[in-house]
Amino acid sequence: MSTDGLPDGWAAYNDAEGRTFYHNAATGETQWEAPAAAPAPAAPAASDALPEGWTEHQDDQGRTFYYQAASGQTTWDRPAAPAAAAAPAPAPAAGPGQWSTSQAFDLGGDGERYTWEGRVQLIDAYTSVAQCCDALTAGLVSAPAGFCCVYSSRKQSYWLLWRDDKEADAKAAASVAWSSLNCFEIGPLGSESHFHGKAQMLDHQVHNDVDKTVDALNKDDSSVPYGFCVIYDLVKTKYCLLWKEGKQKIALETCGLSN
């Protein structure tokens, strides 16, 4: 009998004719072919670690099985370890603030520079409102006050730009008296009693958008002598009360809208 090089439990024997056969006394198996030695189990990688409570074993034929004492469960398949919880993604860093071409106001040409020069930063690295807004949002250029001015070569005029939270400060610094922030939505059609005979109603064929009306009034508000007026905004589908800086109280009180 010889066990050299054979798996545990196996031994080689010779029959009466001198032929070699192999027998496993533990299992009772007999065969002519030499049993292959079971390969040494590879050390599991860190990611292949067994789940808690499971242990690894070999049967008398060298086969690996897995056992969980708590449940009594046995399996030939290696149980998968639970996936490690992903680390929470870091909170995104606060950006430099959003700038947009919709947050821009035409200040006019060189003849109107006196109204804002010295109070509003001029960014002369760009000659396009859109390009300047993109650079400000990306942090490629800085406007510490949250607003600035850029010259548009296409429109041949200076434009006031502001970060999304700085409209009021920007327009105050540039002496822009009318602002879309100075607006009270009165109500839909049928709300005329709030302002009829009390506040000036602008021609709805010309003034039917708050932002465009504000831009027009900042260029020339001589047609609104009392500093407040009403328009019907087609997008909002509402009457809107607009007032010049410093005229909020009288505008709201006149239309009976004060708190």
C-alpha atoms as a PDB file:
ATOM      1  CA  MET A   1       0.000   0.000   0.000  1.00  0.00           C
ATOM      2  CA  SER A   2       1.280   3.453  -0.868  1.00  0.00           C
ATOM      3  CA  THR A   3      -0.113   6.928  -0.163  1.00  0.00           C
ATOM      4  CA  ASP A   4       2.653   8.997  -1.829  1.00  0.00           C
ATOM      5  CA  GLY A   5       1.211  12.026  -3.587  1.00  0.00           C
ATOM      6  CA  LEU A   6      -2.385  10.896  -3.041  1.00  0.00           C
ATOM      7  CA  PRO A   7      -5.159  12.957  -1.447  1.00  0.00           C
ATOM      8  CA  ASP A   8      -5.910  12.313   2.207  1.00  0.00           C
ATOM      9  CA  GLY A   9      -7.753   9.001   2.746  1.00  0.00           C
ATOM     10  CA  TRP A  10      -6.615   7.410  -0.503  1.00  0.00           C
ATOM     11  CA  ALA A  11      -4.080   4.582  -0.894  1.00  0.00           C
ATOM     12  CA  ALA A  12      -2.667   2.595  -3.843  1.00  0.00           C
ATOM     13  CA  TYR A  13      -2.909  -1.203  -3.975  1.00  0.00           C
ATOM     14  CA  ASN A  14      -1.921  -3.980  -6.440  1.00  0.00           C
ATOM     15  CA  ASP A  15      -4.295  -6.751  -7.389  1.00  0.00           C
ATOM     16  CA  ALA A  16      -3.315 -10.406  -8.092  1.00  0.00           C
ATOM     17  CA  GLU A  17      -2.230  -9.495 -11.603  1.00  0.00           C
ATOM     18  CA  GLY A  18      -0.035  -6.611 -10.440  1.00  0.00           C
ATOM     19  CA  ARG A  19      -2.381  -3.877 -11.583  1.00  0.00           C
ATOM     20  CA  THR A  20      -2.599  -0.782  -9.434  1.00  0.00           C
ATOM     21  CA  PHE A  21      -5.903   0.423  -8.077  1.00  0.00           C
ATOM     22  CA  TYR A  22      -6.872   3.084  -5.573  1.00  0.00           C
ATOM     23  CA  HIS A  23      -9.096   2.805  -2.538  1.00  0.00           C
ATOM     24  CA  ASN A  24     -10.473   5.297  -0.029  1.00  0.00           C
ATOM     25  CA  ALA A  25     -11.126   3.519   3.245  1.00  0.00           C
ATOM     26  CA  ALA A  26     -13.199   6.409   4.651  1.00  0.00           C
ATOM     27  CA  THR A  27     -15.708   6.467   1.783  1.00  0.00           C
ATOM     28  CA  GLY A  28     -15.343   2.919   0.431  1.00  0.00           C
ATOM     29  CA  GLU A  29     -14.567   4.205  -3.057  1.00  0.00           C
ATOM     30  CA  THR A  30     -12.309   2.125  -5.349  1.00  0.00           C
ATOM     31  CA  GLN A  31     -11.084   3.185  -8.799  1.00  0.00           C
ATOM     32  CA  TRP A  32      -8.386   2.416 -11.345  1.00  0.00           C
ATOM     33  CA  GLU A  33      -7.507   6.077 -11.991  1.00  0.00           C
ATOM     34  CA  ALA A  34      -5.235   7.815  -9.544  1.00  0.00           C
ATOM     35  CA  PRO A  35      -7.295  10.438  -7.709  1.00  0.00           C
ATOM     36  CA  ALA A  36      -6.072  13.956  -8.275  1.00  0.00           C
ATOM     37  CA  ALA A  37      -4.851  15.830  -5.258  1.00  0.00           C
ATOM     38  CA  ALA A  38      -7.192  18.641  -4.319  1.00  0.00           C
ATOM     39  CA  PRO A  39      -5.596  22.024  -5.055  1.00  0.00           C
ATOM     40  CA  ALA A  40      -4.686  24.029  -2.030  1.00  0.00           C
ATOM     41  CA  PRO A  41      -7.409  26.597  -1.452  1.00  0.00           C
ATOM     42  CA  ALA A  42      -6.360  30.087  -2.435  1.00  0.00           C
ATOM     43  CA  ALA A  43      -6.379  32.598   0.326  1.00  0.00           C
ATOM     44  CA  PRO A  44      -9.515  34.690  -0.115  1.00  0.00           C
ATOM     45  CA  ALA A  45      -9.007  38.288  -1.115  1.00  0.00           C
ATOM     46  CA  ALA A  46     -10.122  40.911   1.335  1.00  0.00           C
ATOM     47  CA  SER A  47     -13.209  41.477  -0.788  1.00  0.00           C
ATOM     48  CA  ASP A  48     -13.978  37.667  -0.584  1.00  0.00           C
ATOM     49  CA  ALA A  49     -14.138  37.549   3.201  1.00  0.00           C
ATOM     50  CA  LEU A  50     -16.906  35.320   4.550  1.00  0.00           C
ATOM     51  CA  PRO A  51     -19.991  36.944   6.039  1.00  0.00           C
ATOM     52  CA  GLU A  52     -20.143  37.028   9.822  1.00  0.00           C
ATOM     53  CA  GLY A  53     -21.060  33.624  11.330  1.00  0.00           C
ATOM     54  CA  TRP A  54     -19.879  31.510   8.372  1.00  0.00           C
ATOM     55  CA  THR A  55     -16.844  29.180   8.515  1.00  0.00           C
ATOM     56  CA  GLU A  56     -14.979  27.222   5.837  1.00  0.00           C
ATOM     57  CA  HIS A  57     -14.386  23.432   6.073  1.00  0.00           C
ATOM     58  CA  GLN A  58     -13.166  20.468   3.971  1.00  0.00           C
ATOM     59  CA  ASP A  59     -14.888  17.109   3.789  1.00  0.00           C
ATOM     60  CA  ASP A  60     -12.983  13.783   3.787  1.00  0.00           C
ATOM     61  CA  GLN A  61     -12.480  14.124   0.024  1.00  0.00           C
ATOM     62  CA  GLY A  62     -10.898  17.516   0.353  1.00  0.00           C
ATOM     63  CA  ARG A  63     -13.913  19.393  -0.987  1.00  0.00           C
ATOM     64  CA  THR A  64     -14.632  22.769   0.550  1.00  0.00           C
ATOM     65  CA  PHE A  65     -17.975  23.528   2.083  1.00  0.00           C
ATOM     66  CA  TYR A  66     -19.320  26.351   4.229  1.00  0.00           C
ATOM     67  CA  TYR A  67     -21.231  26.169   7.476  1.00  0.00           C
ATOM     68  CA  GLN A  68     -23.179  28.685   9.532  1.00  0.00           C
ATOM     69  CA  ALA A  69     -23.541  27.572  13.153  1.00  0.00           C
ATOM     70  CA  ALA A  70     -26.377  29.969  14.000  1.00  0.00           C
ATOM     71  CA  SER A  71     -28.748  28.528  11.376  1.00  0.00           C
ATOM     72  CA  GLY A  72     -27.200  25.099  10.792  1.00  0.00           C
ATOM     73  CA  GLN A  73     -27.031  25.895   7.081  1.00  0.00           C
ATOM     74  CA  THR A  74     -24.408  24.132   4.931  1.00  0.00           C
ATOM     75  CA  THR A  75     -23.563  25.038   1.330  1.00  0.00           C
ATOM     76  CA  TRP A  76     -20.985  24.152  -1.300  1.00  0.00           C
ATOM     77  CA  ASP A  77     -21.170  27.701  -2.707  1.00  0.00           C
ATOM     78  CA  ARG A  78     -19.133  30.332  -0.985  1.00  0.00           C
ATOM     79  CA  PRO A  79     -21.550  32.781   0.649  1.00  0.00           C
ATOM     80  CA  ALA A  80     -21.046  36.331  -0.544  1.00  0.00           C
ATOM     81  CA  ALA A  81     -20.046  38.945   1.960  1.00  0.00           C
ATOM     82  CA  PRO A  82     -22.471  41.860   2.167  1.00  0.00           C
ATOM     83  CA  ALA A  83     -21.428  44.792   0.000  1.00  0.00           C
ATOM     84  CA  ALA A  84     -19.661  47.478   1.925  1.00  0.00           C
ATOM     85  CA  ALA A  85     -21.763  50.563   2.327  1.00  0.00           C
ATOM     86  CA  ALA A  86     -20.640  53.236  -0.077  1.00  0.00           C
ATOM     87  CA  ALA A  87     -19.173  56.270   1.545  1.00  0.00           C
ATOM     88  CA  PRO A  88     -21.577  59.191   1.337  1.00  0.00           C
ATOM     89  CA  ALA A  89     -20.771  61.534  -1.496  1.00  0.00           C
ATOM     90  CA  PRO A  90     -19.305  64.780  -0.269  1.00  0.00           C
ATOM     91  CA  ALA A  91     -21.646  67.717  -0.390  1.00  0.00           C
ATOM     92  CA  PRO A  92     -20.988  69.818  -3.482  1.00  0.00           C
ATOM     93  CA  ALA A  93     -18.960  72.888  -2.782  1.00  0.00           C
ATOM     94  CA  ALA A  94     -20.853  76.115  -2.944  1.00  0.00           C
ATOM     95  CA  GLY A  95     -20.461  77.606  -6.376  1.00  0.00           C
ATOM     96  CA  PRO A  96     -19.626  81.192  -7.181  1.00  0.00           C
ATOM     97  CA  GLY A  97     -23.312  82.001  -7.787  1.00  0.00           C
ATOM     98  CA  GLN A  98     -25.420  81.916 -10.908  1.00  0.00           C
ATOM     99  CA  TRP A  99     -25.271  84.580 -13.579  1.00  0.00           C
ATOM    100  CA  SER A 100     -27.504  84.716 -16.622  1.00  0.00           C
ATOM    101  CA  THR A 101     -28.257  86.885 -19.618  1.00  0.00           C
ATOM    102  CA  SER A 102     -31.775  87.171 -18.196  1.00  0.00           C
ATOM    103  CA  GLN A 103     -30.195  88.986 -15.224  1.00  0.00           C
ATOM    104  CA  ALA A 104     -28.951  91.920 -17.254  1.00  0.00           C
ATOM    105  CA  PHE A 105     -30.019  95.482 -17.863  1.00  0.00           C
ATOM    106  CA  ASP A 106     -29.019  97.848 -20.680  1.00  0.00           C
ATOM    107  CA  LEU A 107     -27.406 100.926 -19.135  1.00  0.00           C
ATOM    108  CA  GLY A 108     -26.880 102.728 -22.428  1.00  0.00           C
ATOM    109  CA  GLY A 109     -23.764 103.995 -24.140  1.00  0.00           C
ATOM    110  CA  ASP A 110     -20.924 106.271 -23.136  1.00  0.00           C
ATOM    111  CA  GLY A 111     -23.333 109.174 -22.660  1.00  0.00           C
ATOM    112  CA  GLU A 112     -24.918 107.430 -19.662  1.00  0.00           C
ATOM    113  CA  ARG A 113     -21.725 106.194 -17.967  1.00  0.00           C
ATOM    114  CA  TYR A 114     -21.990 108.972 -15.375  1.00  0.00           C
ATOM    115  CA  THR A 115     -25.036 107.252 -13.853  1.00  0.00           C
ATOM    116  CA  TRP A 116     -23.047 104.198 -12.701  1.00  0.00           C
ATOM    117  CA  GLU A 117     -19.317 104.807 -13.186  1.00  0.00           C
ATOM    118  CA  GLY A 118     -17.420 104.627  -9.906  1.00  0.00           C
ATOM    119  CA  ARG A 119     -20.191 102.634  -8.234  1.00  0.00           C
ATOM    120  CA  VAL A 120     -20.314  99.528 -10.432  1.00  0.00           C
ATOM    121  CA  GLN A 121     -17.301  97.378 -11.328  1.00  0.00           C
ATOM    122  CA  LEU A 122     -16.529  97.350 -15.046  1.00  0.00           C
ATOM    123  CA  ILE A 123     -15.224  94.032 -16.420  1.00  0.00           C
ATOM    124  CA  ASP A 124     -13.346  94.881 -19.586  1.00  0.00           C
ATOM    125  CA  ALA A 125     -11.954  91.392 -20.318  1.00  0.00           C
ATOM    126  CA  TYR A 126     -15.119  90.520 -22.251  1.00  0.00           C
ATOM    127  CA  THR A 127     -17.221  92.295 -24.880  1.00  0.00           C
ATOM    128  CA  SER A 128     -20.200  89.924 -24.761  1.00  0.00           C
ATOM    129  CA  VAL A 129     -22.889  89.685 -22.081  1.00  0.00           C
ATOM    130  CA  ALA A 130     -23.241  85.913 -22.551  1.00  0.00           C
ATOM    131  CA  GLN A 131     -19.503  85.238 -22.404  1.00  0.00           C
ATOM    132  CA  CYS A 132     -19.115  87.399 -19.325  1.00  0.00           C
ATOM    133  CA  CYS A 133     -22.003  85.604 -17.561  1.00  0.00           C
ATOM    134  CA  ASP A 134     -20.427  82.228 -18.320  1.00  0.00           C
ATOM    135  CA  ALA A 135     -17.050  83.392 -16.991  1.00  0.00           C
ATOM    136  CA  LEU A 136     -18.628  84.771 -13.806  1.00  0.00           C
ATOM    137  CA  THR A 137     -20.556  81.554 -13.129  1.00  0.00           C
ATOM    138  CA  ALA A 138     -17.403  79.473 -13.735  1.00  0.00           C
ATOM    139  CA  GLY A 139     -15.361  81.708 -11.427  1.00  0.00           C
ATOM    140  CA  LEU A 140     -12.973  82.749 -14.211  1.00  0.00           C
ATOM    141  CA  VAL A 141     -13.522  86.376 -13.324  1.00  0.00           C
ATOM    142  CA  SER A 142     -14.573  87.884 -10.019  1.00  0.00           C
ATOM    143  CA  ALA A 143     -17.269  90.390  -9.083  1.00  0.00           C
ATOM    144  CA  PRO A 144     -17.071  90.561  -5.263  1.00  0.00           C
ATOM    145  CA  ALA A 145     -20.153  92.791  -4.917  1.00  0.00           C
ATOM    146  CA  GLY A 146     -22.312  90.275  -6.792  1.00  0.00           C
ATOM    147  CA  PHE A 147     -22.872  92.661  -9.693  1.00  0.00           C
ATOM    148  CA  CYS A 148     -20.809  94.346 -12.387  1.00  0.00           C
ATOM    149  CA  CYS A 149     -20.931  95.958 -15.797  1.00  0.00           C
ATOM    150  CA  VAL A 150     -19.715  94.769 -19.210  1.00  0.00           C
ATOM    151  CA  TYR A 151     -19.636  96.485 -22.597  1.00  0.00           C
ATOM    152  CA  SER A 152     -21.450  94.645 -25.380  1.00  0.00           C
ATOM    153  CA  SER A 153     -19.724  95.305 -28.692  1.00  0.00           C
ATOM    154  CA  ARG A 154     -22.714  93.875 -30.558  1.00  0.00           C
ATOM    155  CA  LYS A 155     -25.267  96.142 -28.872  1.00  0.00           C
ATOM    156  CA  GLN A 156     -22.861  99.084 -28.522  1.00  0.00           C
ATOM    157  CA  SER A 157     -23.898  99.683 -24.911  1.00  0.00           C
ATOM    158  CA  TYR A 158     -22.974  98.873 -21.321  1.00  0.00           C
ATOM    159  CA  TRP A 159     -24.926  96.181 -19.490  1.00  0.00           C
ATOM    160  CA  LEU A 160     -25.481  95.783 -15.783  1.00  0.00           C
ATOM    161  CA  LEU A 161     -25.158  92.134 -14.692  1.00  0.00           C
ATOM    162  CA  TRP A 162     -26.050  90.688 -11.325  1.00  0.00           C
ATOM    163  CA  ARG A 163     -25.835  87.387  -9.490  1.00  0.00           C
ATOM    164  CA  ASP A 164     -29.192  85.728  -8.889  1.00  0.00           C
ATOM    165  CA  ASP A 165     -29.441  87.142  -5.357  1.00  0.00           C
ATOM    166  CA  LYS A 166     -28.165  90.661  -6.048  1.00  0.00           C
ATOM    167  CA  GLU A 167     -30.681  92.335  -8.364  1.00  0.00           C
ATOM    168  CA  ALA A 168     -31.796  94.974  -5.861  1.00  0.00           C
ATOM    169  CA  ASP A 169     -28.216  95.897  -4.881  1.00  0.00           C
ATOM    170  CA  ALA A 170     -27.118  96.049  -8.504  1.00  0.00           C
ATOM    171  CA  LYS A 171     -29.922  98.342  -9.607  1.00  0.00           C
ATOM    172  CA  ALA A 172     -29.526 100.573  -6.577  1.00  0.00           C
ATOM    173  CA  ALA A 173     -25.790 100.976  -7.261  1.00  0.00           C
ATOM    174  CA  ALA A 174     -26.441 101.787 -10.927  1.00  0.00           C
ATOM    175  CA  SER A 175     -29.238 104.245 -10.075  1.00  0.00           C
ATOM    176  CA  VAL A 176     -31.809 102.010 -11.765  1.00  0.00           C
ATOM    177  CA  ALA A 177     -35.042 103.295 -10.222  1.00  0.00           C
ATOM    178  CA  TRP A 178     -37.472 100.658 -11.493  1.00  0.00           C
ATOM    179  CA  SER A 179     -37.059  96.966 -10.769  1.00  0.00           C
ATOM    180  CA  SER A 180     -39.030  93.781 -11.418  1.00  0.00           C
ATOM    181  CA  LEU A 181     -38.663  93.190  -7.678  1.00  0.00           C
ATOM    182  CA  ASN A 182     -40.848  96.249  -7.068  1.00  0.00           C
ATOM    183  CA  CYS A 183     -43.955  94.488  -8.312  1.00  0.00           C
ATOM    184  CA  PHE A 184     -47.222  93.376  -6.717  1.00  0.00           C
ATOM    185  CA  GLU A 185     -49.437  90.892  -8.543  1.00  0.00           C
ATOM    186  CA  ILE A 186     -52.955  92.318  -8.102  1.00  0.00           C
ATOM    187  CA  GLY A 187     -54.882  89.498  -9.714  1.00  0.00           C
ATOM    188  CA  PRO A 188     -56.401  88.177 -12.970  1.00  0.00           C
ATOM    189  CA  LEU A 189     -58.953  89.802 -15.237  1.00  0.00           C
ATOM    190  CA  GLY A 190     -61.818  90.924 -13.046  1.00  0.00           C
ATOM    191  CA  SER A 191     -59.520  92.564 -10.460  1.00  0.00           C
ATOM    192  CA  GLU A 192     -59.835  96.028 -12.029  1.00  0.00           C
ATOM    193  CA  SER A 193     -61.673  97.453  -9.003  1.00  0.00           C
ATOM    194  CA  HIS A 194     -58.416  97.451  -7.043  1.00  0.00           C
ATOM    195  CA  PHE A 195     -56.807 100.097  -9.249  1.00  0.00           C
ATOM    196  CA  HIS A 196     -59.483 101.576 -11.534  1.00  0.00           C
ATOM    197  CA  GLY A 197     -59.505 105.330 -10.994  1.00  0.00           C
ATOM    198  CA  LYS A 198     -56.628 105.034  -8.499  1.00  0.00           C
ATOM    199  CA  ALA A 199     -53.508 104.071 -10.448  1.00  0.00           C
ATOM    200  CA  GLN A 200     -52.383 104.766 -13.982  1.00  0.00           C
ATOM    201  CA  MET A 201     -52.934 101.830 -16.355  1.00  0.00           C
ATOM    202  CA  LEU A 202     -50.348 101.632 -19.143  1.00  0.00           C
ATOM    203  CA  ASP A 203     -51.319 100.734 -22.708  1.00  0.00           C
ATOM    204  CA  HIS A 204     -51.576  96.928 -22.735  1.00  0.00           C
ATOM    205  CA  GLN A 205     -50.669  96.835 -26.429  1.00  0.00           C
ATOM    206  CA  VAL A 206     -47.225  98.248 -25.572  1.00  0.00           C
ATOM    207  CA  HIS A 207     -46.658  97.249 -21.943  1.00  0.00           C
ATOM    208  CA  ASN A 208     -47.648  93.630 -21.325  1.00  0.00           C
ATOM    209  CA  ASP A 209     -44.497  92.196 -19.747  1.00  0.00           C
ATOM    210  CA  VAL A 210     -43.101  93.205 -16.337  1.00  0.00           C
ATOM    211  CA  ASP A 211     -39.391  92.894 -17.215  1.00  0.00           C
ATOM    212  CA  LYS A 212     -39.708  94.742 -20.524  1.00  0.00           C
ATOM    213  CA  THR A 213     -41.850  97.471 -18.948  1.00  0.00           C
ATOM    214  CA  VAL A 214     -39.289  97.943 -16.170  1.00  0.00           C
ATOM    215  CA  ASP A 215     -36.512  98.296 -18.754  1.00  0.00           C
ATOM    216  CA  ALA A 216     -38.553 100.868 -20.681  1.00  0.00           C
ATOM    217  CA  LEU A 217     -39.374 102.889 -17.554  1.00  0.00           C
ATOM    218  CA  ASN A 218     -35.737 102.977 -16.504  1.00  0.00           C
ATOM    219  CA  LYS A 219     -34.910 104.535 -19.848  1.00  0.00           C
ATOM    220  CA  ASP A 220     -37.792 107.027 -19.720  1.00  0.00           C
ATOM    221  CA  ASP A 221     -40.483 107.180 -17.052  1.00  0.00           C
ATOM    222  CA  SER A 222     -41.699 110.685 -17.877  1.00  0.00           C
ATOM    223  CA  SER A 223     -45.087 109.217 -18.827  1.00  0.00           C
ATOM    224  CA  VAL A 224     -45.561 107.909 -15.258  1.00  0.00           C
ATOM    225  CA  PRO A 225     -45.552 111.109 -13.177  1.00  0.00           C
ATOM    226  CA  TYR A 226     -46.689 109.544  -9.879  1.00  0.00           C
ATOM    227  CA  GLY A 227     -43.970 106.874  -9.792  1.00  0.00           C
ATOM    228  CA  PHE A 228     -46.286 103.876  -9.974  1.00  0.00           C
ATOM    229  CA  CYS A 229     -48.527 102.238 -12.554  1.00  0.00           C
ATOM    230  CA  VAL A 230     -50.375  99.063 -13.496  1.00  0.00           C
ATOM    231  CA  ILE A 231     -49.861  96.748 -16.468  1.00  0.00           C
ATOM    232  CA  TYR A 232     -51.463  93.487 -17.530  1.00  0.00           C
ATOM    233  CA  ASP A 233     -48.722  90.838 -17.894  1.00  0.00           C
ATOM    234  CA  LEU A 234     -49.632  88.331 -20.615  1.00  0.00           C
ATOM    235  CA  VAL A 235     -47.313  85.632 -19.266  1.00  0.00           C
ATOM    236  CA  LYS A 236     -48.477  85.926 -15.667  1.00  0.00           C
ATOM    237  CA  THR A 237     -52.066  86.567 -16.872  1.00  0.00           C
ATOM    238  CA  LYS A 238     -52.391  89.044 -14.034  1.00  0.00           C
ATOM    239  CA  TYR A 239     -52.521  92.765 -13.415  1.00  0.00           C
ATOM    240  CA  CYS A 240     -49.263  93.910 -11.828  1.00  0.00           C
ATOM    241  CA  LEU A 241     -48.628  97.071  -9.835  1.00  0.00           C
ATOM    242  CA  LEU A 242     -45.145  98.507 -10.458  1.00  0.00           C
ATOM    243  CA  TRP A 243     -43.500 101.284  -8.493  1.00  0.00           C
ATOM    244  CA  LYS A 244     -40.351 103.354  -8.631  1.00  0.00           C
ATOM    245  CA  GLU A 245     -37.814 103.062  -5.836  1.00  0.00           C
ATOM    246  CA  GLY A 246     -39.178 104.898  -2.801  1.00  0.00           C
ATOM    247  CA  LYS A 247     -42.804 104.729  -4.007  1.00  0.00           C
ATOM    248  CA  GLN A 248     -43.870 101.355  -2.599  1.00  0.00           C
ATOM    249  CA  LYS A 249     -45.894 102.676   0.340  1.00  0.00           C
ATOM    250  CA  ILE A 250     -47.954 105.174  -1.650  1.00  0.00           C
ATOM    251  CA  ALA A 251     -48.457 102.707  -4.529  1.00  0.00           C
ATOM    252  CA  LEU A 252     -49.836  99.961  -2.265  1.00  0.00           C
ATOM    253  CA  GLU A 253     -51.929 102.334  -0.138  1.00  0.00           C
ATOM    254  CA  THR A 254     -53.460 104.018  -3.184  1.00  0.00           C
ATOM    255  CA  CYS A 255     -54.668 100.665  -4.489  1.00  0.00           C
ATOM    256  CA  GLY A 256     -55.742  99.480  -1.026  1.00  0.00           C
ATOM    257  CA  LEU A 257     -53.140  96.739  -1.053  1.00  0.00           C
ATOM    258  CA  SER A 258     -51.114  97.728   2.019  1.00  0.00           C
ATOM    259  CA  ASN A 259     -50.899  95.283   4.911  1.00  0.00           C
END
